[in-house]
C-alpha atoms as a PDB file:
ATOM      1  CA  UNK A   1     -32.417 105.666 -17.392  1.00  0.00           C
ATOM      2  CA  UNK A   2     -34.818 103.465 -19.307  1.00  0.00           C
ATOM      3  CA  UNK A   3     -38.545 103.891 -19.501  1.00  0.00           C
ATOM      4  CA  UNK A   4     -41.219 101.247 -19.883  1.00  0.00           C
ATOM      5  CA  UNK A   5     -44.919 100.788 -19.163  1.00  0.00           C
ATOM      6  CA  UNK A   6     -46.722  98.905 -16.332  1.00  0.00           C
ATOM      7  CA  UNK A   7     -50.357  98.213 -16.750  1.00  0.00           C
ATOM      8  CA  UNK A   8     -53.289  95.713 -16.342  1.00  0.00           C
ATOM      9  CA  UNK A   9     -54.380  94.161 -19.593  1.00  0.00           C
ATOM     10  CA  UNK A  10     -58.065  93.260 -19.410  1.00  0.00           C
ATOM     11  CA  UNK A  11     -61.009  92.328 -21.632  1.00  0.00           C
ATOM     12  CA  UNK A  12     -62.233  95.881 -21.285  1.00  0.00           C
ATOM     13  CA  UNK A  13     -59.193  97.663 -22.327  1.00  0.00           C
ATOM     14  CA  UNK A  14     -56.808  97.951 -25.330  1.00  0.00           C
ATOM     15  CA  UNK A  15     -55.744  94.755 -27.018  1.00  0.00           C
ATOM     16  CA  UNK A  16     -52.173  93.490 -26.172  1.00  0.00           C
ATOM     17  CA  UNK A  17     -51.205  93.494 -29.893  1.00  0.00           C
ATOM     18  CA  UNK A  18     -52.175  97.154 -30.340  1.00  0.00           C
ATOM     19  CA  UNK A  19     -50.571  98.160 -27.045  1.00  0.00           C
ATOM     20  CA  UNK A  20     -47.301  96.336 -27.805  1.00  0.00           C
ATOM     21  CA  UNK A  21     -46.956  97.998 -31.129  1.00  0.00           C
ATOM     22  CA  UNK A  22     -47.842 101.392 -29.652  1.00  0.00           C
ATOM     23  CA  UNK A  23     -45.228 101.054 -26.975  1.00  0.00           C
ATOM     24  CA  UNK A  24     -42.494 100.104 -29.412  1.00  0.00           C
ATOM     25  CA  UNK A  25     -43.407 102.751 -31.930  1.00  0.00           C
ATOM     26  CA  UNK A  26     -43.017 105.433 -29.144  1.00  0.00           C
ATOM     27  CA  UNK A  27     -39.534 104.247 -28.201  1.00  0.00           C
ATOM     28  CA  UNK A  28     -40.275 102.903 -24.818  1.00  0.00           C
ATOM     29  CA  UNK A  29     -38.323  99.876 -23.807  1.00  0.00           C
ATOM     30  CA  UNK A  30     -40.653  97.408 -22.047  1.00  0.00           C
ATOM     31  CA  UNK A  31     -44.169  96.274 -21.216  1.00  0.00           C
ATOM     32  CA  UNK A  32     -44.849  94.757 -17.693  1.00  0.00           C
ATOM     33  CA  UNK A  33     -48.328  93.417 -16.990  1.00  0.00           C
ATOM     34  CA  UNK A  34     -50.038  92.338 -13.815  1.00  0.00           C
ATOM     35  CA  UNK A  35     -51.570  88.958 -12.989  1.00  0.00           C
ATOM     36  CA  UNK A  36     -54.616  87.745 -11.007  1.00  0.00           C
ATOM     37  CA  UNK A  37     -56.156  84.453 -11.866  1.00  0.00           C
ATOM     38  CA  UNK A  38     -59.473  85.486 -10.136  1.00  0.00           C
ATOM     39  CA  UNK A  39     -60.683  87.576  -7.163  1.00  0.00           C
ATOM     40  CA  UNK A  40     -62.782  85.768  -4.451  1.00  0.00           C
ATOM     41  CA  UNK A  41     -66.139  87.413  -3.861  1.00  0.00           C
ATOM     42  CA  UNK A  42     -65.684  87.081  -0.091  1.00  0.00           C
ATOM     43  CA  UNK A  43     -62.336  88.724   0.607  1.00  0.00           C
ATOM     44  CA  UNK A  44     -60.782  89.640   3.963  1.00  0.00           C
ATOM     45  CA  UNK A  45     -57.377  90.761   2.585  1.00  0.00           C
ATOM     46  CA  UNK A  46     -57.322  94.563   2.435  1.00  0.00           C
ATOM     47  CA  UNK A  47     -56.347  96.171  -0.955  1.00  0.00           C
ATOM     48  CA  UNK A  48     -52.794  97.569  -0.541  1.00  0.00           C
ATOM     49  CA  UNK A  49     -53.718 100.707  -2.392  1.00  0.00           C
ATOM     50  CA  UNK A  50     -56.574 101.425   0.065  1.00  0.00           C
ATOM     51  CA  UNK A  51     -60.336 101.660  -0.563  1.00  0.00           C
ATOM     52  CA  UNK A  52     -62.231  99.363  -2.899  1.00  0.00           C
ATOM     53  CA  UNK A  53     -60.414  96.960  -5.186  1.00  0.00           C
ATOM     54  CA  UNK A  54     -60.470  98.351  -8.786  1.00  0.00           C
ATOM     55  CA  UNK A  55     -62.406  96.291 -11.371  1.00  0.00           C
ATOM     56  CA  UNK A  56     -59.218  95.724 -13.408  1.00  0.00           C
ATOM     57  CA  UNK A  57     -58.062  93.178 -10.827  1.00  0.00           C
ATOM     58  CA  UNK A  58     -61.065  91.027 -11.600  1.00  0.00           C
ATOM     59  CA  UNK A  59     -60.462  91.038 -15.327  1.00  0.00           C
ATOM     60  CA  UNK A  60     -56.777  90.450 -16.207  1.00  0.00           C
ATOM     61  CA  UNK A  61     -55.855  88.401 -19.038  1.00  0.00           C
ATOM     62  CA  UNK A  62     -53.499  85.583 -18.646  1.00  0.00           C
ATOM     63  CA  UNK A  63     -50.042  87.319 -18.770  1.00  0.00           C
ATOM     64  CA  UNK A  64     -48.269  84.836 -20.977  1.00  0.00           C
ATOM     65  CA  UNK A  65     -51.019  84.705 -23.560  1.00  0.00           C
ATOM     66  CA  UNK A  66     -51.129  88.547 -23.611  1.00  0.00           C
ATOM     67  CA  UNK A  67     -47.441  88.908 -23.757  1.00  0.00           C
ATOM     68  CA  UNK A  68     -47.117  86.304 -26.563  1.00  0.00           C
ATOM     69  CA  UNK A  69     -49.634  88.312 -28.537  1.00  0.00           C
ATOM     70  CA  UNK A  70     -47.564  91.496 -28.001  1.00  0.00           C
ATOM     71  CA  UNK A  71     -44.380  89.517 -28.841  1.00  0.00           C
ATOM     72  CA  UNK A  72     -45.892  88.529 -32.258  1.00  0.00           C
ATOM     73  CA  UNK A  73     -46.221  92.118 -33.424  1.00  0.00           C
ATOM     74  CA  UNK A  74     -42.960  93.676 -31.882  1.00  0.00           C
ATOM     75  CA  UNK A  75     -39.239  93.125 -32.260  1.00  0.00           C
ATOM     76  CA  UNK A  76     -37.580  95.198 -29.528  1.00  0.00           C
ATOM     77  CA  UNK A  77     -39.439  95.726 -26.265  1.00  0.00           C
ATOM     78  CA  UNK A  78     -38.972  93.583 -23.266  1.00  0.00           C
ATOM     79  CA  UNK A  79     -42.083  91.630 -22.225  1.00  0.00           C
ATOM     80  CA  UNK A  80     -42.370  91.147 -18.483  1.00  0.00           C
ATOM     81  CA  UNK A  81     -44.678  89.954 -15.766  1.00  0.00           C
ATOM     82  CA  UNK A  82     -45.271  92.585 -13.104  1.00  0.00           C
ATOM     83  CA  UNK A  83     -45.824  90.350 -11.234  1.00  0.00           C
ATOM     84  CA  UNK A  84     -46.421  86.651 -11.871  1.00  0.00           C
ATOM     85  CA  UNK A  85     -48.021  85.162  -8.670  1.00  0.00           C
ATOM     86  CA  UNK A  86     -45.625  82.209  -8.169  1.00  0.00           C
ATOM     87  CA  UNK A  87     -47.620  81.131  -5.020  1.00  0.00           C
ATOM     88  CA  UNK A  88     -50.453  80.363  -7.419  1.00  0.00           C
ATOM     89  CA  UNK A  89     -48.525  78.598 -10.221  1.00  0.00           C
ATOM     90  CA  UNK A  90     -47.370  75.106 -10.862  1.00  0.00           C
ATOM     91  CA  UNK A  91     -43.615  75.438 -11.372  1.00  0.00           C
ATOM     92  CA  UNK A  92     -43.310  72.846 -14.182  1.00  0.00           C
ATOM     93  CA  UNK A  93     -46.070  74.586 -16.316  1.00  0.00           C
ATOM     94  CA  UNK A  94     -44.705  78.056 -15.451  1.00  0.00           C
ATOM     95  CA  UNK A  95     -41.178  77.174 -16.511  1.00  0.00           C
ATOM     96  CA  UNK A  96     -42.601  76.052 -19.932  1.00  0.00           C
ATOM     97  CA  UNK A  97     -44.638  79.192 -20.297  1.00  0.00           C
ATOM     98  CA  UNK A  98     -41.781  81.607 -19.569  1.00  0.00           C
ATOM     99  CA  UNK A  99     -39.423  79.656 -21.735  1.00  0.00           C
ATOM    100  CA  UNK A 100     -41.978  79.538 -24.591  1.00  0.00           C
ATOM    101  CA  UNK A 101     -42.510  83.290 -24.307  1.00  0.00           C
ATOM    102  CA  UNK A 102     -38.649  83.875 -24.411  1.00  0.00           C
ATOM    103  CA  UNK A 103     -38.486  81.591 -27.560  1.00  0.00           C
ATOM    104  CA  UNK A 104     -41.303  83.200 -29.496  1.00  0.00           C
ATOM    105  CA  UNK A 105     -40.086  86.741 -28.573  1.00  0.00           C
ATOM    106  CA  UNK A 106     -36.502  86.049 -29.518  1.00  0.00           C
ATOM    107  CA  UNK A 107     -35.185  86.286 -26.006  1.00  0.00           C
ATOM    108  CA  UNK A 108     -37.218  89.227 -24.650  1.00  0.00           C
ATOM    109  CA  UNK A 109     -39.028  87.706 -21.691  1.00  0.00           C
ATOM    110  CA  UNK A 110     -38.553  89.044 -18.151  1.00  0.00           C
ATOM    111  CA  UNK A 111     -39.934  86.986 -15.303  1.00  0.00           C
ATOM    112  CA  UNK A 112     -41.136  89.374 -12.714  1.00  0.00           C
ATOM    113  CA  UNK A 113     -42.189  87.442  -9.596  1.00  0.00           C
ATOM    114  CA  UNK A 114     -43.721  88.044  -6.129  1.00  0.00           C
ATOM    115  CA  UNK A 115     -45.613  86.369  -3.326  1.00  0.00           C
ATOM    116  CA  UNK A 116     -48.861  88.429  -3.619  1.00  0.00           C
ATOM    117  CA  UNK A 117     -51.197  89.998  -1.029  1.00  0.00           C
ATOM    118  CA  UNK A 118     -54.619  88.424  -1.623  1.00  0.00           C
ATOM    119  CA  UNK A 119     -54.595  85.510   0.920  1.00  0.00           C
ATOM    120  CA  UNK A 120     -58.116  84.256  -0.289  1.00  0.00           C
ATOM    121  CA  UNK A 121     -56.915  84.085  -3.887  1.00  0.00           C
ATOM    122  CA  UNK A 122     -53.843  82.018  -3.091  1.00  0.00           C
ATOM    123  CA  UNK A 123     -55.750  79.782  -0.677  1.00  0.00           C
ATOM    124  CA  UNK A 124     -58.051  78.844  -3.709  1.00  0.00           C
ATOM    125  CA  UNK A 125     -54.859  77.500  -5.357  1.00  0.00           C
ATOM    126  CA  UNK A 126     -54.045  75.385  -2.346  1.00  0.00           C
ATOM    127  CA  UNK A 127     -51.359  77.762  -0.830  1.00  0.00           C
ATOM    128  CA  UNK A 128     -51.104  78.389   2.889  1.00  0.00           C
ATOM    129  CA  UNK A 129     -50.387  82.115   3.213  1.00  0.00           C
ATOM    130  CA  UNK A 130     -48.210  81.379   6.230  1.00  0.00           C
ATOM    131  CA  UNK A 131     -45.693  79.475   4.193  1.00  0.00           C
ATOM    132  CA  UNK A 132     -45.983  81.430   0.886  1.00  0.00           C
ATOM    133  CA  UNK A 133     -42.409  82.865   1.103  1.00  0.00           C
ATOM    134  CA  UNK A 134     -40.758  79.473   1.347  1.00  0.00           C
ATOM    135  CA  UNK A 135     -43.069  78.241  -1.323  1.00  0.00           C
ATOM    136  CA  UNK A 136     -42.025  80.937  -3.757  1.00  0.00           C
ATOM    137  CA  UNK A 137     -38.352  80.478  -3.133  1.00  0.00           C
ATOM    138  CA  UNK A 138     -38.610  76.666  -3.692  1.00  0.00           C
ATOM    139  CA  UNK A 139     -40.669  77.073  -6.861  1.00  0.00           C
ATOM    140  CA  UNK A 140     -38.249  79.610  -8.311  1.00  0.00           C
ATOM    141  CA  UNK A 141     -35.351  77.249  -7.689  1.00  0.00           C
ATOM    142  CA  UNK A 142     -37.204  74.410  -9.343  1.00  0.00           C
ATOM    143  CA  UNK A 143     -38.023  76.659 -12.315  1.00  0.00           C
ATOM    144  CA  UNK A 144     -34.412  77.501 -12.783  1.00  0.00           C
ATOM    145  CA  UNK A 145     -33.518  73.742 -12.791  1.00  0.00           C
ATOM    146  CA  UNK A 146     -36.083  73.127 -15.466  1.00  0.00           C
ATOM    147  CA  UNK A 147     -34.717  75.991 -17.594  1.00  0.00           C
ATOM    148  CA  UNK A 148     -30.937  75.056 -17.215  1.00  0.00           C
ATOM    149  CA  UNK A 149     -30.734  71.313 -17.025  1.00  0.00           C
ATOM    150  CA  UNK A 150     -31.485  68.708 -19.750  1.00  0.00           C
ATOM    151  CA  UNK A 151     -32.499  66.218 -17.082  1.00  0.00           C
ATOM    152  CA  UNK A 152     -33.978  68.353 -14.243  1.00  0.00           C
ATOM    153  CA  UNK A 153     -35.055  67.134 -10.826  1.00  0.00           C
ATOM    154  CA  UNK A 154     -36.005  68.793  -7.616  1.00  0.00           C
ATOM    155  CA  UNK A 155     -36.726  67.521  -4.132  1.00  0.00           C
ATOM    156  CA  UNK A 156     -37.917  69.919  -1.552  1.00  0.00           C
ATOM    157  CA  UNK A 157     -40.595  70.763   0.960  1.00  0.00           C
ATOM    158  CA  UNK A 158     -43.222  71.774  -1.462  1.00  0.00           C
ATOM    159  CA  UNK A 159     -41.865  70.825  -4.926  1.00  0.00           C
ATOM    160  CA  UNK A 160     -40.713  67.248  -5.629  1.00  0.00           C
ATOM    161  CA  UNK A 161     -40.059  65.556  -8.957  1.00  0.00           C
ATOM    162  CA  UNK A 162     -37.638  62.981 -10.229  1.00  0.00           C
ATOM    163  CA  UNK A 163     -35.555  63.679 -13.415  1.00  0.00           C
ATOM    164  CA  UNK A 164     -37.633  65.082 -16.189  1.00  0.00           C
ATOM    165  CA  UNK A 165     -37.207  66.398 -19.795  1.00  0.00           C
ATOM    166  CA  UNK A 166     -38.678  69.864 -20.238  1.00  0.00           C
ATOM    167  CA  UNK A 167     -38.363  71.902 -23.476  1.00  0.00           C
ATOM    168  CA  UNK A 168     -38.168  74.535 -24.838  1.00  0.00           C
ATOM    169  CA  UNK A 169     -35.278  76.006 -23.039  1.00  0.00           C
ATOM    170  CA  UNK A 170     -35.159  79.821 -22.874  1.00  0.00           C
ATOM    171  CA  UNK A 171     -33.269  81.708 -25.534  1.00  0.00           C
ATOM    172  CA  UNK A 172     -31.384  83.734 -22.966  1.00  0.00           C
ATOM    173  CA  UNK A 173     -28.768  81.835 -21.055  1.00  0.00           C
ATOM    174  CA  UNK A 174     -28.624  80.832 -18.419  1.00  0.00           C
ATOM    175  CA  UNK A 175     -32.275  81.929 -18.278  1.00  0.00           C
ATOM    176  CA  UNK A 176     -34.440  84.922 -18.591  1.00  0.00           C
ATOM    177  CA  UNK A 177     -33.853  87.529 -15.933  1.00  0.00           C
ATOM    178  CA  UNK A 178     -35.845  87.104 -12.694  1.00  0.00           C
ATOM    179  CA  UNK A 179     -37.054  90.497 -11.324  1.00  0.00           C
ATOM    180  CA  UNK A 180     -38.071  90.017  -7.762  1.00  0.00           C
ATOM    181  CA  UNK A 181     -40.868  92.166  -6.491  1.00  0.00           C
ATOM    182  CA  UNK A 182     -41.728  93.152  -2.983  1.00  0.00           C
ATOM    183  CA  UNK A 183     -40.438  95.210  -0.173  1.00  0.00           C
ATOM    184  CA  UNK A 184     -37.798  94.613   2.403  1.00  0.00           C
ATOM    185  CA  UNK A 185     -39.113  91.152   3.239  1.00  0.00           C
ATOM    186  CA  UNK A 186     -38.079  90.103  -0.247  1.00  0.00           C
ATOM    187  CA  UNK A 187     -34.486  91.424  -0.052  1.00  0.00           C
ATOM    188  CA  UNK A 188     -33.181  87.829   0.790  1.00  0.00           C
ATOM    189  CA  UNK A 189     -35.024  86.598  -2.331  1.00  0.00           C
ATOM    190  CA  UNK A 190     -33.384  89.286  -4.398  1.00  0.00           C
ATOM    191  CA  UNK A 191     -30.059  88.266  -3.033  1.00  0.00           C
ATOM    192  CA  UNK A 192     -30.453  84.486  -3.593  1.00  0.00           C
ATOM    193  CA  UNK A 193     -32.651  84.289  -6.753  1.00  0.00           C
ATOM    194  CA  UNK A 194     -32.997  87.770  -8.389  1.00  0.00           C
ATOM    195  CA  UNK A 195     -31.306  89.428 -11.286  1.00  0.00           C
ATOM    196  CA  UNK A 196     -32.996  92.740 -10.342  1.00  0.00           C
ATOM    197  CA  UNK A 197     -35.289  94.314  -7.694  1.00  0.00           C
ATOM    198  CA  UNK A 198     -38.769  95.077  -9.079  1.00  0.00           C
ATOM    199  CA  UNK A 199     -39.632  97.712  -6.464  1.00  0.00           C
ATOM    200  CA  UNK A 200     -43.149  99.042  -5.921  1.00  0.00           C
ATOM    201  CA  UNK A 201     -43.644 102.745  -6.446  1.00  0.00           C
ATOM    202  CA  UNK A 202     -42.719 104.738  -3.435  1.00  0.00           C
ATOM    203  CA  UNK A 203     -41.547 108.285  -2.695  1.00  0.00           C
ATOM    204  CA  UNK A 204     -38.028 108.974  -3.908  1.00  0.00           C
ATOM    205  CA  UNK A 205     -36.825 109.793  -0.372  1.00  0.00           C
ATOM    206  CA  UNK A 206     -37.825 106.306   0.766  1.00  0.00           C
ATOM    207  CA  UNK A 207     -36.467 104.521  -2.386  1.00  0.00           C
ATOM    208  CA  UNK A 208     -32.913 105.686  -1.960  1.00  0.00           C
ATOM    209  CA  UNK A 209     -32.289 104.222   1.452  1.00  0.00           C
ATOM    210  CA  UNK A 210     -34.147 101.029   0.534  1.00  0.00           C
ATOM    211  CA  UNK A 211     -31.949 100.573  -2.586  1.00  0.00           C
ATOM    212  CA  UNK A 212     -28.895 100.862  -0.293  1.00  0.00           C
ATOM    213  CA  UNK A 213     -30.305  98.309   2.191  1.00  0.00           C
ATOM    214  CA  UNK A 214     -31.263  95.854  -0.550  1.00  0.00           C
ATOM    215  CA  UNK A 215     -27.791  95.951  -2.076  1.00  0.00           C
ATOM    216  CA  UNK A 216     -26.221  95.514   1.319  1.00  0.00           C
ATOM    217  CA  UNK A 217     -28.270  92.299   1.795  1.00  0.00           C
ATOM    218  CA  UNK A 218     -27.476  91.138  -1.687  1.00  0.00           C
ATOM    219  CA  UNK A 219     -23.741  91.989  -1.544  1.00  0.00           C
ATOM    220  CA  UNK A 220     -23.785  93.226  -5.062  1.00  0.00           C
ATOM    221  CA  UNK A 221     -25.006  96.099  -7.293  1.00  0.00           C
ATOM    222  CA  UNK A 222     -28.460  94.720  -8.111  1.00  0.00           C
ATOM    223  CA  UNK A 223     -30.267  96.656 -10.857  1.00  0.00           C
ATOM    224  CA  UNK A 224     -33.572  98.365  -9.848  1.00  0.00           C
ATOM    225  CA  UNK A 225     -36.750  98.638 -11.843  1.00  0.00           C
ATOM    226  CA  UNK A 226     -39.505 100.815 -10.247  1.00  0.00           C
ATOM    227  CA  UNK A 227     -43.050  99.731 -10.957  1.00  0.00           C
ATOM    228  CA  UNK A 228     -46.069 101.882 -11.449  1.00  0.00           C
ATOM    229  CA  UNK A 229     -44.560 105.380 -11.520  1.00  0.00           C
ATOM    230  CA  UNK A 230     -46.650 108.424 -11.941  1.00  0.00           C
ATOM    231  CA  UNK A 231     -46.214 110.744 -14.989  1.00  0.00           C
ATOM    232  CA  UNK A 232     -45.400 113.967 -13.006  1.00  0.00           C
ATOM    233  CA  UNK A 233     -42.085 115.342 -14.491  1.00  0.00           C
ATOM    234  CA  UNK A 234     -40.916 116.594 -11.043  1.00  0.00           C
ATOM    235  CA  UNK A 235     -41.403 113.078  -9.561  1.00  0.00           C
ATOM    236  CA  UNK A 236     -39.467 111.461 -12.519  1.00  0.00           C
ATOM    237  CA  UNK A 237     -36.709 114.099 -12.052  1.00  0.00           C
ATOM    238  CA  UNK A 238     -36.244 112.910  -8.414  1.00  0.00           C
ATOM    239  CA  UNK A 239     -36.104 109.289  -9.419  1.00  0.00           C
ATOM    240  CA  UNK A 240     -33.509 110.174 -12.118  1.00  0.00           C
ATOM    241  CA  UNK A 241     -31.119 111.285  -9.375  1.00  0.00           C
ATOM    242  CA  UNK A 242     -31.271 107.799  -7.860  1.00  0.00           C
ATOM    243  CA  UNK A 243     -29.406 104.672  -9.103  1.00  0.00           C
ATOM    244  CA  UNK A 244     -32.416 103.228 -10.883  1.00  0.00           C
ATOM    245  CA  UNK A 245     -32.111 101.374 -14.178  1.00  0.00           C
ATOM    246  CA  UNK A 246     -35.703 101.674 -15.355  1.00  0.00           C
ATOM    247  CA  UNK A 247     -38.942 103.464 -14.497  1.00  0.00           C
ATOM    248  CA  UNK A 248     -42.170 101.714 -15.450  1.00  0.00           C
ATOM    249  CA  UNK A 249     -44.664 104.538 -16.040  1.00  0.00           C
ATOM    250  CA  UNK A 250     -48.167 103.550 -14.970  1.00  0.00           C
ATOM    251  CA  UNK A 251     -50.685 103.192 -17.815  1.00  0.00           C
ATOM    252  CA  UNK A 252     -54.351 103.093 -16.601  1.00  0.00           C
ATOM    253  CA  UNK A 253     -56.617 100.372 -18.166  1.00  0.00           C
ATOM    254  CA  UNK A 254     -58.781 102.080 -20.730  1.00  0.00           C
ATOM    255  CA  UNK A 255     -60.244 101.502 -24.225  1.00  0.00           C
ATOM    256  CA  UNK A 256     -57.888 102.025 -27.127  1.00  0.00           C
ATOM    257  CA  UNK A 257     -58.336 105.694 -27.876  1.00  0.00           C
ATOM    258  CA  UNK A 258     -57.904 106.789 -24.361  1.00  0.00           C
ATOM    259  CA  UNK A 259     -54.889 104.375 -23.867  1.00  0.00           C
ATOM    260  CA  UNK A 260     -53.045 105.743 -26.883  1.00  0.00           C
ATOM    261  CA  UNK A 261     -53.625 109.342 -25.797  1.00  0.00           C
ATOM    262  CA  UNK A 262     -52.366 108.609 -22.299  1.00  0.00           C
ATOM    263  CA  UNK A 263     -49.442 106.688 -23.722  1.00  0.00           C
ATOM    264  CA  UNK A 264     -48.485 109.743 -25.719  1.00  0.00           C
ATOM    265  CA  UNK A 265     -48.367 111.762 -22.406  1.00  0.00           C
ATOM    266  CA  UNK A 266     -46.161 109.194 -20.812  1.00  0.00           C
ATOM    267  CA  UNK A 267     -43.856 109.155 -23.837  1.00  0.00           C
ATOM    268  CA  UNK A 268     -43.503 112.956 -23.645  1.00  0.00           C
ATOM    269  CA  UNK A 269     -42.420 112.618 -20.013  1.00  0.00           C
ATOM    270  CA  UNK A 270     -39.837 109.992 -20.861  1.00  0.00           C
ATOM    271  CA  UNK A 271     -38.484 112.032 -23.709  1.00  0.00           C
ATOM    272  CA  UNK A 272     -37.625 114.804 -21.270  1.00  0.00           C
ATOM    273  CA  UNK A 273     -35.182 112.592 -19.469  1.00  0.00           C
ATOM    274  CA  UNK A 274     -33.736 110.202 -22.168  1.00  0.00           C
END
C-alpha cells in the first residue's frame, strides 16, 4: 500500500515548495490538495464535517499554481487535486491547466475531481446545483477530448464548441489519471470516466462493502485511494487489510514548523506498513 498526503494549502500555512520537498524527502508518494475558489458569506449548505466551516476553506491557494510550485522542486511525488471542483471550472481552461501541470512535472499530475457540496459557491459560478452531476460528466468528457485530439470538438447540453486546437497535450497518455471523488452517487462516474475512486475517509467496515459495490458498478477492478485518513496506527492497520492502493494521510494546515513536525509523525506511521 502506498502513502501520500492530503491537505489544504493556504496563505497562512506552509509554502507549497517547502511542503513538496518535505513530502518527497520523507519517501511519501503523493500530495493531494483541496480547492475552493471562495466561500459565500451567506451560506445555507451545511458543512459535511459538522459544526462551523474551518477557516482553511476560505483561504485555499489555486491548486494548479500550488502544485506547479511543488512540481518545480520535486522529481518523484504525484501531484493531485483532491478535489478539483469541476462544477466551477471552464473545461477548456481546466484542460490546459492540468496538461500544463503534467508537462512541467514530467507526467506526475493526477486529476482528482468531484461535484462539491457548497451550493452557494457553485451558484456564484453560474452552476445550477440540481444539474451539477450531468454538468461534471459532460465537462470531463470535453476535457478528455481536448487532451487526446489534435482538433477537439464537443457538442452537449452544457458544453459546446466547434473544432479547436489546444496545447500542451499531457505527457501521460492517453491522459493524466482521473480520480473520481464522491460516494455511491459517483459510482457511475467512476465506471464511465474514472481511472480510480478517490473515496472520502470512512470507517473500514463501511469502506470494504462500498469498494465491492463500486467495482460491481464499474465492472472492473478500479483502484482505490482513500482521502484524509487519520494517523492512528490501528486505523491504518484496518485499512491495510482492504484492497486499497493508497492512503492519503491528513495533514492539518499549520505554519511550517508545526507542519514539518506533524509530517514526521505521519511518516512514522507510514513506515510501519511499507
